Protein backbone atom coordinates (compact mmCIF):
# COMPACT_ATOMS: atom_id res chain seq x y z
CA UNK A 1 -13.22 -0.07 12.58
CA UNK A 2 -12.66 -2.82 10.17
CA UNK A 3 -13.11 -2.07 6.05
CA UNK A 4 -16.17 -3.59 4.39
CA UNK A 5 -14.42 -5.39 1.67
CA UNK A 6 -10.81 -5.52 0.33
CA UNK A 7 -9.69 -6.62 -2.85
CA UNK A 8 -5.89 -8.26 -3.60
CA UNK A 9 -4.72 -8.05 -6.82
CA UNK A 10 -3.15 -11.55 -7.10
CA UNK A 11 -0.27 -12.31 -9.60
CA UNK A 12 -0.08 -15.95 -10.47
CA UNK A 13 2.87 -18.23 -11.96
CA UNK A 14 2.48 -21.64 -12.73
CA UNK A 15 -0.69 -21.92 -11.06
CA UNK A 16 0.51 -20.47 -7.75
CA UNK A 17 0.20 -17.39 -6.07
CA UNK A 18 3.29 -15.27 -5.48
CA UNK A 19 4.51 -14.98 -1.79
CA UNK A 20 3.70 -11.09 -2.24
CA UNK A 21 -0.02 -11.98 -2.99
CA UNK A 22 -0.38 -14.30 -0.31
CA UNK A 23 1.13 -11.98 2.31
CA UNK A 24 -1.29 -9.21 1.34
CA UNK A 25 -4.30 -11.72 1.77
CA UNK A 26 -2.77 -12.10 5.49
CA UNK A 27 -2.82 -8.42 6.11
CA UNK A 28 -6.22 -7.93 4.68
CA UNK A 29 -7.63 -10.31 6.92
CA UNK A 30 -6.80 -8.09 9.75
CA UNK A 31 -8.25 -4.89 7.92
CA UNK A 32 -11.79 -6.17 6.82
CA UNK A 33 -14.66 -8.53 7.09
CA UNK A 34 -14.64 -9.74 3.49
CA UNK A 35 -11.22 -10.34 1.65
CA UNK A 36 -11.59 -10.89 -2.15
CA UNK A 37 -8.85 -11.64 -4.72
CA UNK A 38 -8.69 -10.60 -8.76
CA UNK A 39 -5.82 -12.53 -10.78
CA UNK A 40 -5.36 -12.37 -14.52
CA UNK A 41 -3.29 -15.62 -16.19
CA UNK A 42 -4.43 -18.43 -18.07
CA UNK A 43 -4.03 -20.52 -15.07
CA UNK A 44 -5.50 -18.55 -12.44
CA UNK A 45 -8.13 -20.58 -11.21
CA UNK A 46 -5.64 -23.06 -10.20
CA UNK A 47 -4.64 -20.71 -7.73
CA UNK A 48 -7.85 -20.58 -5.94
CA UNK A 49 -6.95 -22.83 -3.32
CA UNK A 50 -3.94 -21.33 -1.95
CA UNK A 51 -5.59 -18.08 -2.07
CA UNK A 52 -8.76 -19.49 -0.55
CA UNK A 53 -6.36 -20.93 2.28
CA UNK A 54 -5.03 -17.46 2.76
CA UNK A 55 -8.52 -16.03 3.41
CA UNK A 56 -9.74 -14.79 -0.11
CA UNK A 57 -13.24 -16.06 0.45
CA UNK A 58 -14.06 -15.11 -3.77
CA UNK A 59 -11.57 -15.15 -6.61
CA UNK A 60 -12.31 -13.26 -9.77
CA UNK A 61 -10.38 -14.99 -12.26
CA UNK A 62 -9.40 -14.08 -15.69
CA UNK A 63 -8.20 -16.94 -17.57
CA UNK A 64 -8.33 -16.09 -21.28
CA UNK A 65 -4.85 -17.77 -22.67
CA UNK A 66 -4.55 -14.15 -24.09
CA UNK A 67 -3.08 -13.21 -20.44
CA UNK A 68 -0.09 -15.53 -20.73
CA UNK A 69 0.85 -13.35 -23.86
CA UNK A 70 -0.27 -9.74 -23.33
CA UNK A 71 1.55 -7.03 -21.39
CA UNK A 72 -0.54 -6.58 -18.20
CA UNK A 73 -0.89 -3.19 -17.73
CA UNK A 74 -3.08 -1.75 -19.85
CA UNK A 75 -5.66 -4.87 -20.21
CA UNK A 76 -5.73 -5.71 -16.35
CA UNK A 77 -6.48 -2.28 -15.61
CA UNK A 78 -9.14 -2.29 -17.98
CA UNK A 79 -10.94 -5.41 -16.50
CA UNK A 80 -10.24 -4.72 -12.83
CA UNK A 81 -11.87 -1.38 -13.73
CA UNK A 82 -15.13 -3.34 -15.25
CA UNK A 83 -14.98 -5.48 -12.04
CA UNK A 84 -15.03 -2.67 -9.47
CA UNK A 85 -17.46 -0.61 -11.12
CA UNK A 86 -19.65 -3.98 -11.00
CA UNK A 87 -18.40 -5.15 -7.23
CA UNK A 88 -17.68 -2.16 -5.21
CA UNK A 89 -14.79 -2.92 -3.05
CA UNK A 90 -13.76 -0.42 -0.47
CA UNK A 91 -10.12 -0.92 -1.35
CA UNK A 92 -8.13 -2.63 -3.42
CA UNK A 93 -4.38 -3.90 -2.38
CA UNK A 94 -1.51 -4.44 -4.84
CA UNK A 95 2.28 -5.64 -4.33
CA UNK A 96 5.27 -3.68 -5.01
CA UNK A 97 6.17 -5.56 -7.98
CA UNK A 98 6.85 -4.10 -11.54
CA UNK A 99 3.51 -5.33 -12.89
CA UNK A 100 1.25 -4.57 -9.60
CA UNK A 101 2.66 -1.09 -9.80
CA UNK A 102 1.99 -0.95 -13.36
CA UNK A 103 -1.60 -2.12 -13.11
CA UNK A 104 -2.46 -0.07 -10.04
CA UNK A 105 -1.05 3.21 -12.16
CA UNK A 106 -3.23 2.87 -14.91
CA UNK A 107 -6.06 1.88 -12.61
CA UNK A 108 -5.90 5.03 -10.72
CA UNK A 109 -5.59 7.15 -13.76
CA UNK A 110 -8.99 5.35 -15.46
CA UNK A 111 -10.95 5.90 -12.35
CA UNK A 112 -9.79 8.99 -11.29
CA UNK A 113 -8.56 7.63 -7.92
CA UNK A 114 -5.34 8.00 -5.82
CA UNK A 115 -2.67 5.45 -5.52
CA UNK A 116 -1.29 4.80 -2.17
CA UNK A 117 1.72 3.01 -1.56
CA UNK A 118 3.14 2.08 1.88
CA UNK A 119 6.71 1.25 2.20
CA UNK A 120 9.51 0.31 4.31
CA UNK A 121 12.62 2.33 4.68
CA UNK A 122 16.46 0.96 4.49
CA UNK A 123 18.11 0.35 7.72
CA UNK A 124 20.29 3.38 6.63
CA UNK A 125 18.13 5.61 8.85
CA UNK A 126 19.19 3.67 11.97
CA UNK A 127 22.84 4.32 11.58
CA UNK A 128 22.50 8.48 10.87
CA UNK A 129 22.67 10.61 14.01
CA UNK A 130 19.61 12.73 12.29
CA UNK A 131 16.84 9.68 12.43
CA UNK A 132 14.58 11.70 10.27
CA UNK A 133 13.76 9.77 6.80
CA UNK A 134 14.85 11.07 3.81
CA UNK A 135 13.86 10.40 -0.10
CA UNK A 136 17.13 8.14 -0.42
CA UNK A 137 15.64 5.45 2.04
CA UNK A 138 13.38 4.56 -0.65
CA UNK A 139 16.11 3.43 -3.08
CA UNK A 140 15.16 0.13 -2.10
CA UNK A 141 11.62 0.17 -3.00
CA UNK A 142 12.06 0.05 -6.78
CA UNK A 143 11.19 3.13 -8.36
CA UNK A 144 8.63 4.90 -5.58
CA UNK A 145 11.08 7.94 -5.53
CA UNK A 146 10.92 8.57 -8.78
CA UNK A 147 7.26 7.42 -9.61
CA UNK A 148 5.84 9.20 -6.74
CA UNK A 149 3.93 12.52 -7.24
CA UNK A 150 3.99 13.13 -3.36
CA UNK A 151 6.20 10.98 -0.98
CA UNK A 152 5.51 11.76 2.96
CA UNK A 153 7.12 10.51 5.99
CA UNK A 154 5.98 10.18 9.84
CA UNK A 155 8.91 10.78 12.36
CA UNK A 156 8.42 10.78 16.16
CA UNK A 157 11.56 12.27 18.09
CA UNK A 158 10.18 10.58 21.13
CA UNK A 159 10.49 7.26 19.78
CA UNK A 160 14.34 7.83 19.26
CA UNK A 161 15.25 9.86 22.49
CA UNK A 162 13.53 9.00 26.04
CA UNK A 163 14.59 12.39 26.89
CA UNK A 164 12.54 14.37 23.90
CA UNK A 165 11.13 17.58 24.50
CA UNK A 166 8.29 16.53 22.11
CA UNK A 167 6.47 14.04 23.79
CA UNK A 168 3.06 13.11 22.12
CA UNK A 169 4.06 14.73 19.03
CA UNK A 170 4.67 13.67 15.70
CA UNK A 171 6.21 15.22 12.15
CA UNK A 172 4.48 14.96 8.90
CA UNK A 173 7.27 15.41 6.53
CA UNK A 174 6.57 15.95 3.01
CA UNK A 175 9.61 15.25 1.32
CA UNK A 176 8.30 15.48 -2.17
CA UNK A 177 5.55 17.16 -3.97
CA UNK A 178 5.04 17.19 -7.59
CA UNK A 179 2.60 19.98 -7.66
CA UNK A 180 3.20 21.65 -4.15
CA UNK A 181 5.43 22.93 -1.61
CA UNK A 182 7.37 20.44 0.52
CA UNK A 183 7.78 20.97 4.40
CA UNK A 184 6.50 19.65 7.66
CA UNK A 185 3.16 19.65 9.73
CA UNK A 186 3.06 19.03 13.22
CA UNK A 187 0.64 16.20 14.56
CA UNK A 188 -0.19 14.92 17.82
CA UNK A 189 0.26 11.24 18.60
CA UNK A 190 -2.15 9.85 20.99
CA UNK A 191 0.15 6.19 21.59
CA UNK A 192 -2.63 4.49 23.78
CA UNK A 193 -4.81 3.87 20.55
CA UNK A 194 -2.51 4.48 18.24
CA UNK A 195 -3.48 7.87 16.80
CA UNK A 196 -2.61 10.89 14.94
CA UNK A 197 -4.95 13.58 14.59
CA UNK A 198 -4.51 17.18 14.10
CA UNK A 199 -2.12 19.26 16.55
CA UNK A 200 -3.47 19.45 19.97
CA UNK A 201 -0.51 21.65 21.58
CA UNK A 202 0.76 19.85 24.85
CA UNK A 203 -2.11 18.35 25.78
CA UNK A 204 -1.29 14.73 25.20
CA UNK A 205 2.37 15.52 25.99
CA UNK A 206 2.07 12.80 28.91
């Protein structure tokens, strides 16, 4: 089921949206019926054409010259929180840049909502006999390992082993939990959808 409305926090430099912002817009189009962009920069309005070409139907632009002089984090989080409360998007996407992470973290604290970061793993996992992901596999993703309160990985043994004794199963690996225990939760994986769900024993093994 598609999300109703997604916002993309778009960083702008020299009147152009960054490649990360355009990539997020492309992904958002596959998830939502409406995709809109938010940008805070003196030349943010100049990016409207490129943002629109990548799927943004609306651009909320903060174009005050002071945006070129301020540290983005706090002021942008305050302005974005006001816009969110007024327009009620279902989801806001941020790129994994320093500024975007800073704004996302401050926004989450201000609104009392979680920040969920999705990250690719380094290729080191492919070269190990044990393919289960580890915290060290996140090291190419900035400070994710250090900044996160909770880090979870998904591992499916049958993905790597054709003769796996655990077909239809997946492990949710809790590798870091700042306020609780780490460990493993077994899930059922329905590959025909695909879908993860509460563990149902061997019911979906075939």
